[in-house]
Amino acid sequence: MPDESLAEALHGGLLELPGCSFSSAQEAALLAYLALLQRWNRAYNLTAVKDPLEMVVRHLLDSLSVLPWVNRDRLLDAGTGAGLPGVPLAIARPGLEATLLDSAGKKIRFLNHVRRELGLENIVPVQARLETFTPGSAYDIIISRAFTDLSAFARAARHLAAGPARLFAMKGRYPQSELREIPDWVRIESVEKLTVPGLQEDRHLVIMTVIQ
């Protein structure tokens, strides 16, 4: 698909995101990230989504749908993969310090390339597993699209979720059965229904805190 068509699709989708605004420079950076993802994906299979227009919706707009709740300074993207949602959020919030955590070396190499190419000094790619990761300082938000189970995410991130840190789990359908199985040391703050322009599927954000 021509870059102009992708730019139009992205611009139109961003206009539909509630409570968000983007500069032309931010839109250009999002498209540049997408171009790098397409290029590297041919050789390294970073994402199962191949169609560029689908990437705009399922990767960029889906990641940015949580932006109204990302209102703190330090974020950890656990199981970031190709940098989702961390890279789009870091582009949208220049003041955000985003650590992008993944155990796969090829994905971290890609993210280091993204950091250099786009000049994104507010992302820090780290190769490690969430369960054993020991950062130098605490995070405000620990977010993930990678975990299929809320309890598994909470257990893996528990050692990092001290104090005011909140866990953000990006989900599809409302996770009724998973919510019933949450351990008693986890408090559910809210379950927010997300709007992803161009996507006719349910999306939710589960916001949790760990009770120490």
C-alpha atoms as a PDB file:
ATOM      1  CA  MET A   1       0.000   0.000   0.000  1.00  0.00           C
ATOM      2  CA  PRO A   2       1.407   3.457  -0.850  1.00  0.00           C
ATOM      3  CA  ASP A   3       2.808   5.495   2.046  1.00  0.00           C
ATOM      4  CA  GLU A   4       0.256   8.240   1.305  1.00  0.00           C
ATOM      5  CA  SER A   5      -2.609   5.826   1.908  1.00  0.00           C
ATOM      6  CA  LEU A   6      -1.044   4.655   5.161  1.00  0.00           C
ATOM      7  CA  ALA A   7      -0.571   8.253   6.257  1.00  0.00           C
ATOM      8  CA  GLU A   8      -4.227   8.996   5.542  1.00  0.00           C
ATOM      9  CA  ALA A   9      -5.373   5.895   7.419  1.00  0.00           C
ATOM     10  CA  LEU A  10      -3.219   6.769  10.419  1.00  0.00           C
ATOM     11  CA  HIS A  11      -4.244  10.432  10.448  1.00  0.00           C
ATOM     12  CA  GLY A  12      -7.931   9.562  10.250  1.00  0.00           C
ATOM     13  CA  GLY A  13      -7.611   6.977  13.011  1.00  0.00           C
ATOM     14  CA  LEU A  14      -5.719   9.331  15.309  1.00  0.00           C
ATOM     15  CA  LEU A  15      -8.450  11.946  14.923  1.00  0.00           C
ATOM     16  CA  GLU A  16     -10.957   9.382  16.200  1.00  0.00           C
ATOM     17  CA  LEU A  17      -9.019   8.460  19.330  1.00  0.00           C
ATOM     18  CA  PRO A  18     -10.851  10.064  22.264  1.00  0.00           C
ATOM     19  CA  GLY A  19      -8.957  12.637  24.298  1.00  0.00           C
ATOM     20  CA  CYS A  20      -5.774  12.523  22.199  1.00  0.00           C
ATOM     21  CA  SER A  21      -3.992  14.917  19.855  1.00  0.00           C
ATOM     22  CA  PHE A  22      -0.890  14.415  17.720  1.00  0.00           C
ATOM     23  CA  SER A  23       1.507  16.733  15.907  1.00  0.00           C
ATOM     24  CA  SER A  24       2.586  16.169  12.323  1.00  0.00           C
ATOM     25  CA  ALA A  25       6.045  15.218  13.644  1.00  0.00           C
ATOM     26  CA  GLN A  26       4.528  12.537  15.858  1.00  0.00           C
ATOM     27  CA  GLU A  27       2.492  11.148  12.962  1.00  0.00           C
ATOM     28  CA  ALA A  28       5.656  11.052  10.842  1.00  0.00           C
ATOM     29  CA  ALA A  29       7.505   9.197  13.623  1.00  0.00           C
ATOM     30  CA  LEU A  30       4.716   6.627  13.914  1.00  0.00           C
ATOM     31  CA  LEU A  31       4.870   6.000  10.158  1.00  0.00           C
ATOM     32  CA  ALA A  32       8.668   5.751  10.266  1.00  0.00           C
ATOM     33  CA  TYR A  33       8.391   3.150  13.048  1.00  0.00           C
ATOM     34  CA  LEU A  34       5.853   1.237  10.978  1.00  0.00           C
ATOM     35  CA  ALA A  35       8.179   1.275   7.949  1.00  0.00           C
ATOM     36  CA  LEU A  36      11.017  -0.154  10.062  1.00  0.00           C
ATOM     37  CA  LEU A  37       8.705  -2.828  11.438  1.00  0.00           C
ATOM     38  CA  GLN A  38       7.630  -3.851   7.924  1.00  0.00           C
ATOM     39  CA  ARG A  39      11.245  -4.027   6.736  1.00  0.00           C
ATOM     40  CA  TRP A  40      12.550  -6.071   9.654  1.00  0.00           C
ATOM     41  CA  ASN A  41       9.465  -8.270   9.753  1.00  0.00           C
ATOM     42  CA  ARG A  42      10.345  -9.782   6.365  1.00  0.00           C
ATOM     43  CA  ALA A  43      13.525 -11.296   7.782  1.00  0.00           C
ATOM     44  CA  TYR A  44      12.880 -11.648  11.509  1.00  0.00           C
ATOM     45  CA  ASN A  45       9.134 -12.407  11.739  1.00  0.00           C
ATOM     46  CA  LEU A  46       8.533  -9.879  14.529  1.00  0.00           C
ATOM     47  CA  THR A  47       4.744  -9.878  14.128  1.00  0.00           C
ATOM     48  CA  ALA A  48       2.144 -12.137  12.541  1.00  0.00           C
ATOM     49  CA  VAL A  49       0.412  -9.092  11.048  1.00  0.00           C
ATOM     50  CA  LYS A  50       1.780  -8.566   7.529  1.00  0.00           C
ATOM     51  CA  ASP A  51      -0.606  -6.086   5.894  1.00  0.00           C
ATOM     52  CA  PRO A  52       0.564  -2.468   6.465  1.00  0.00           C
ATOM     53  CA  LEU A  53      -2.968  -1.091   6.819  1.00  0.00           C
ATOM     54  CA  GLU A  54      -3.782  -3.779   9.365  1.00  0.00           C
ATOM     55  CA  MET A  55      -0.598  -2.814  11.219  1.00  0.00           C
ATOM     56  CA  VAL A  56      -1.884   0.764  11.469  1.00  0.00           C
ATOM     57  CA  VAL A  57      -5.032  -0.453  13.200  1.00  0.00           C
ATOM     58  CA  ARG A  58      -3.869  -3.480  15.190  1.00  0.00           C
ATOM     59  CA  HIS A  59      -0.494  -2.117  16.242  1.00  0.00           C
ATOM     60  CA  LEU A  60      -0.445   1.690  16.227  1.00  0.00           C
ATOM     61  CA  LEU A  61      -4.057   2.631  16.982  1.00  0.00           C
ATOM     62  CA  ASP A  62      -4.574  -0.310  19.339  1.00  0.00           C
ATOM     63  CA  SER A  63      -1.477   0.679  21.332  1.00  0.00           C
ATOM     64  CA  LEU A  64      -2.494   4.338  21.459  1.00  0.00           C
ATOM     65  CA  SER A  65      -6.028   3.559  22.662  1.00  0.00           C
ATOM     66  CA  VAL A  66      -4.668   3.383  26.247  1.00  0.00           C
ATOM     67  CA  LEU A  67      -3.016   6.810  26.018  1.00  0.00           C
ATOM     68  CA  PRO A  68      -5.572   8.692  28.187  1.00  0.00           C
ATOM     69  CA  TRP A  69      -4.587   6.465  31.154  1.00  0.00           C
ATOM     70  CA  VAL A  70      -0.818   6.776  30.623  1.00  0.00           C
ATOM     71  CA  ASN A  71      -0.356   9.908  32.687  1.00  0.00           C
ATOM     72  CA  ARG A  72       2.729   9.054  34.732  1.00  0.00           C
ATOM     73  CA  ASP A  73       6.475   9.275  34.085  1.00  0.00           C
ATOM     74  CA  ARG A  74       8.040   5.788  34.104  1.00  0.00           C
ATOM     75  CA  LEU A  75       6.571   2.871  32.185  1.00  0.00           C
ATOM     76  CA  LEU A  76       7.663  -0.742  31.749  1.00  0.00           C
ATOM     77  CA  ASP A  77       6.327  -2.545  28.668  1.00  0.00           C
ATOM     78  CA  ALA A  78       6.522  -6.224  29.655  1.00  0.00           C
ATOM     79  CA  GLY A  79       6.800  -8.658  26.758  1.00  0.00           C
ATOM     80  CA  THR A  80       7.023  -5.750  24.340  1.00  0.00           C
ATOM     81  CA  GLY A  81       7.754  -7.884  21.256  1.00  0.00           C
ATOM     82  CA  ALA A  82       8.245  -5.447  18.397  1.00  0.00           C
ATOM     83  CA  GLY A  83       7.729  -2.504  20.763  1.00  0.00           C
ATOM     84  CA  LEU A  84       3.993  -2.588  21.339  1.00  0.00           C
ATOM     85  CA  PRO A  85       2.520  -0.653  22.973  1.00  0.00           C
ATOM     86  CA  GLY A  86       5.720   0.983  24.251  1.00  0.00           C
ATOM     87  CA  VAL A  87       7.070   2.618  21.092  1.00  0.00           C
ATOM     88  CA  PRO A  88       3.803   4.311  20.006  1.00  0.00           C
ATOM     89  CA  LEU A  89       3.246   5.505  23.590  1.00  0.00           C
ATOM     90  CA  ALA A  90       6.784   6.900  23.792  1.00  0.00           C
ATOM     91  CA  ILE A  91       6.252   8.776  20.527  1.00  0.00           C
ATOM     92  CA  ALA A  92       2.947  10.173  21.767  1.00  0.00           C
ATOM     93  CA  ARG A  93       4.308  11.112  25.220  1.00  0.00           C
ATOM     94  CA  PRO A  94       7.849  12.539  24.785  1.00  0.00           C
ATOM     95  CA  GLY A  95       8.138  12.992  28.554  1.00  0.00           C
ATOM     96  CA  LEU A  96       7.530   9.304  29.185  1.00  0.00           C
ATOM     97  CA  GLU A  97      10.485   7.087  30.060  1.00  0.00           C
ATOM     98  CA  ALA A  98       9.604   3.677  28.593  1.00  0.00           C
ATOM     99  CA  THR A  99      11.570   0.508  29.290  1.00  0.00           C
ATOM    100  CA  LEU A 100      10.849  -2.100  26.605  1.00  0.00           C
ATOM    101  CA  LEU A 101      11.348  -5.575  28.045  1.00  0.00           C
ATOM    102  CA  ASP A 102      11.543  -8.798  26.053  1.00  0.00           C
ATOM    103  CA  SER A 103      13.477 -12.065  26.317  1.00  0.00           C
ATOM    104  CA  ALA A 104      14.014 -12.398  22.533  1.00  0.00           C
ATOM    105  CA  GLY A 105      17.304 -10.981  21.349  1.00  0.00           C
ATOM    106  CA  LYS A 106      16.124 -10.279  17.791  1.00  0.00           C
ATOM    107  CA  LYS A 107      13.317  -8.091  19.100  1.00  0.00           C
ATOM    108  CA  ILE A 108      15.642  -6.100  21.334  1.00  0.00           C
ATOM    109  CA  ARG A 109      18.053  -5.634  18.418  1.00  0.00           C
ATOM    110  CA  PHE A 110      15.171  -4.290  16.362  1.00  0.00           C
ATOM    111  CA  LEU A 111      14.154  -1.895  19.140  1.00  0.00           C
ATOM    112  CA  ASN A 112      17.704  -0.610  19.542  1.00  0.00           C
ATOM    113  CA  HIS A 113      17.665   0.081  15.799  1.00  0.00           C
ATOM    114  CA  VAL A 114      14.340   1.922  16.175  1.00  0.00           C
ATOM    115  CA  ARG A 115      15.819   3.997  18.999  1.00  0.00           C
ATOM    116  CA  ARG A 116      18.795   5.037  16.860  1.00  0.00           C
ATOM    117  CA  GLU A 117      16.881   5.603  13.612  1.00  0.00           C
ATOM    118  CA  LEU A 118      14.054   7.627  15.143  1.00  0.00           C
ATOM    119  CA  GLY A 119      16.104   9.341  17.836  1.00  0.00           C
ATOM    120  CA  LEU A 120      13.758   8.032  20.536  1.00  0.00           C
ATOM    121  CA  GLU A 121      15.876   8.738  23.576  1.00  0.00           C
ATOM    122  CA  ASN A 122      12.949   8.001  25.899  1.00  0.00           C
ATOM    123  CA  ILE A 123      12.862   4.255  25.119  1.00  0.00           C
ATOM    124  CA  VAL A 124      15.241   1.786  26.775  1.00  0.00           C
ATOM    125  CA  PRO A 125      15.183  -1.727  25.232  1.00  0.00           C
ATOM    126  CA  VAL A 126      16.182  -4.466  27.709  1.00  0.00           C
ATOM    127  CA  GLN A 127      16.572  -8.192  27.071  1.00  0.00           C
ATOM    128  CA  ALA A 128      15.208 -10.012  30.137  1.00  0.00           C
ATOM    129  CA  ARG A 129      12.249 -11.968  31.456  1.00  0.00           C
ATOM    130  CA  LEU A 130       9.721 -10.075  33.544  1.00  0.00           C
ATOM    131  CA  GLU A 131       9.855 -12.619  36.374  1.00  0.00           C
ATOM    132  CA  THR A 132      13.592 -12.076  36.946  1.00  0.00           C
ATOM    133  CA  PHE A 133      14.013  -8.445  35.878  1.00  0.00           C
ATOM    134  CA  THR A 134      15.524  -6.223  38.589  1.00  0.00           C
ATOM    135  CA  PRO A 135      15.581  -2.531  37.588  1.00  0.00           C
ATOM    136  CA  GLY A 136      17.449   0.177  39.425  1.00  0.00           C
ATOM    137  CA  SER A 137      14.334   2.171  40.290  1.00  0.00           C
ATOM    138  CA  ALA A 138      10.582   1.687  40.464  1.00  0.00           C
ATOM    139  CA  TYR A 139       8.014   2.090  37.675  1.00  0.00           C
ATOM    140  CA  ASP A 140       4.722   3.963  37.736  1.00  0.00           C
ATOM    141  CA  ILE A 141       3.023   1.708  35.169  1.00  0.00           C
ATOM    142  CA  ILE A 142       3.750  -1.868  34.114  1.00  0.00           C
ATOM    143  CA  ILE A 143       1.818  -2.563  30.915  1.00  0.00           C
ATOM    144  CA  SER A 144       1.488  -5.659  28.768  1.00  0.00           C
ATOM    145  CA  ARG A 145      -0.346  -6.975  25.726  1.00  0.00           C
ATOM    146  CA  ALA A 146       1.584 -10.253  25.913  1.00  0.00           C
ATOM    147  CA  PHE A 147      -0.013 -12.105  28.840  1.00  0.00           C
ATOM    148  CA  THR A 148      -3.075 -14.213  28.121  1.00  0.00           C
ATOM    149  CA  ASP A 149      -3.988 -14.465  31.816  1.00  0.00           C
ATOM    150  CA  LEU A 150      -4.405 -11.655  34.338  1.00  0.00           C
ATOM    151  CA  SER A 151      -3.220 -13.726  37.307  1.00  0.00           C
ATOM    152  CA  ALA A 152      -0.076 -14.827  35.459  1.00  0.00           C
ATOM    153  CA  PHE A 153       0.733 -11.185  34.642  1.00  0.00           C
ATOM    154  CA  ALA A 154       0.210 -10.110  38.247  1.00  0.00           C
ATOM    155  CA  ARG A 155       2.421 -12.906  39.591  1.00  0.00           C
ATOM    156  CA  ALA A 156       5.207 -12.197  37.101  1.00  0.00           C
ATOM    157  CA  ALA A 157       5.171  -8.463  37.875  1.00  0.00           C
ATOM    158  CA  ARG A 158       4.512  -8.646  41.629  1.00  0.00           C
ATOM    159  CA  HIS A 159       8.138  -7.970  42.631  1.00  0.00           C
ATOM    160  CA  LEU A 160       8.073  -4.743  40.580  1.00  0.00           C
ATOM    161  CA  ALA A 161       4.662  -3.494  41.630  1.00  0.00           C
ATOM    162  CA  ALA A 162       5.505  -1.961  44.989  1.00  0.00           C
ATOM    163  CA  GLY A 163       4.145   1.385  46.147  1.00  0.00           C
ATOM    164  CA  PRO A 164       2.050   3.349  43.659  1.00  0.00           C
ATOM    165  CA  ALA A 165       2.832   1.169  40.611  1.00  0.00           C
ATOM    166  CA  ARG A 166      -0.179   0.052  38.606  1.00  0.00           C
ATOM    167  CA  LEU A 167      -0.497  -2.961  36.326  1.00  0.00           C
ATOM    168  CA  PHE A 168      -2.149  -2.326  32.936  1.00  0.00           C
ATOM    169  CA  ALA A 169      -3.324  -5.448  31.126  1.00  0.00           C
ATOM    170  CA  MET A 170      -4.546  -4.931  27.564  1.00  0.00           C
ATOM    171  CA  LYS A 171      -7.239  -7.481  26.746  1.00  0.00           C
ATOM    172  CA  GLY A 172      -9.743  -8.278  24.021  1.00  0.00           C
ATOM    173  CA  ARG A 173     -13.140  -9.334  25.321  1.00  0.00           C
ATOM    174  CA  TYR A 174     -14.194  -8.434  28.849  1.00  0.00           C
ATOM    175  CA  PRO A 175     -12.185 -10.987  30.911  1.00  0.00           C
ATOM    176  CA  GLN A 176     -14.958 -12.082  33.255  1.00  0.00           C
ATOM    177  CA  SER A 177     -13.545 -15.504  34.207  1.00  0.00           C
ATOM    178  CA  GLU A 178     -10.002 -14.153  34.640  1.00  0.00           C
ATOM    179  CA  LEU A 179     -11.231 -11.419  36.963  1.00  0.00           C
ATOM    180  CA  ARG A 180     -12.865 -14.041  39.206  1.00  0.00           C
ATOM    181  CA  GLU A 181      -9.537 -15.851  39.568  1.00  0.00           C
ATOM    182  CA  ILE A 182      -7.436 -12.844  40.583  1.00  0.00           C
ATOM    183  CA  PRO A 183      -5.478 -13.528  43.811  1.00  0.00           C
ATOM    184  CA  ASP A 184      -6.501 -11.672  46.956  1.00  0.00           C
ATOM    185  CA  TRP A 185      -3.317  -9.560  46.967  1.00  0.00           C
ATOM    186  CA  VAL A 186      -4.417  -7.854  43.740  1.00  0.00           C
ATOM    187  CA  ARG A 187      -6.960  -5.028  43.669  1.00  0.00           C
ATOM    188  CA  ILE A 188      -8.888  -4.331  40.454  1.00  0.00           C
ATOM    189  CA  GLU A 189      -9.104  -0.558  40.116  1.00  0.00           C
ATOM    190  CA  SER A 190     -11.149  -0.500  36.920  1.00  0.00           C
ATOM    191  CA  VAL A 191     -11.824  -2.194  33.606  1.00  0.00           C
ATOM    192  CA  GLU A 192     -11.919   0.387  30.835  1.00  0.00           C
ATOM    193  CA  LYS A 193     -13.572  -0.226  27.480  1.00  0.00           C
ATOM    194  CA  LEU A 194     -11.206   0.920  24.735  1.00  0.00           C
ATOM    195  CA  THR A 195     -12.041   2.429  21.370  1.00  0.00           C
ATOM    196  CA  VAL A 196      -9.756   1.414  18.495  1.00  0.00           C
ATOM    197  CA  PRO A 197     -10.710   3.185  15.241  1.00  0.00           C
ATOM    198  CA  GLY A 198     -11.118   0.748  12.379  1.00  0.00           C
ATOM    199  CA  LEU A 199     -11.273  -2.343  14.605  1.00  0.00           C
ATOM    200  CA  GLN A 200     -14.617  -4.078  14.985  1.00  0.00           C
ATOM    201  CA  GLU A 201     -13.513  -6.135  17.982  1.00  0.00           C
ATOM    202  CA  ASP A 202     -13.764  -5.687  21.737  1.00  0.00           C
ATOM    203  CA  ARG A 203     -10.798  -4.158  23.549  1.00  0.00           C
ATOM    204  CA  HIS A 204     -10.419  -3.546  27.282  1.00  0.00           C
ATOM    205  CA  LEU A 205      -7.806  -2.242  29.690  1.00  0.00           C
ATOM    206  CA  VAL A 206      -7.671  -3.854  33.125  1.00  0.00           C
ATOM    207  CA  ILE A 207      -6.012  -1.596  35.719  1.00  0.00           C
ATOM    208  CA  MET A 208      -4.746  -3.371  38.834  1.00  0.00           C
ATOM    209  CA  THR A 209      -2.648  -2.614  41.920  1.00  0.00           C
ATOM    210  CA  VAL A 210      -0.763  -5.017  44.161  1.00  0.00           C
ATOM    211  CA  ILE A 211      -1.659  -4.899  47.858  1.00  0.00           C
ATOM    212  CA  GLN A 212       1.613  -5.256  49.759  1.00  0.00           C
END
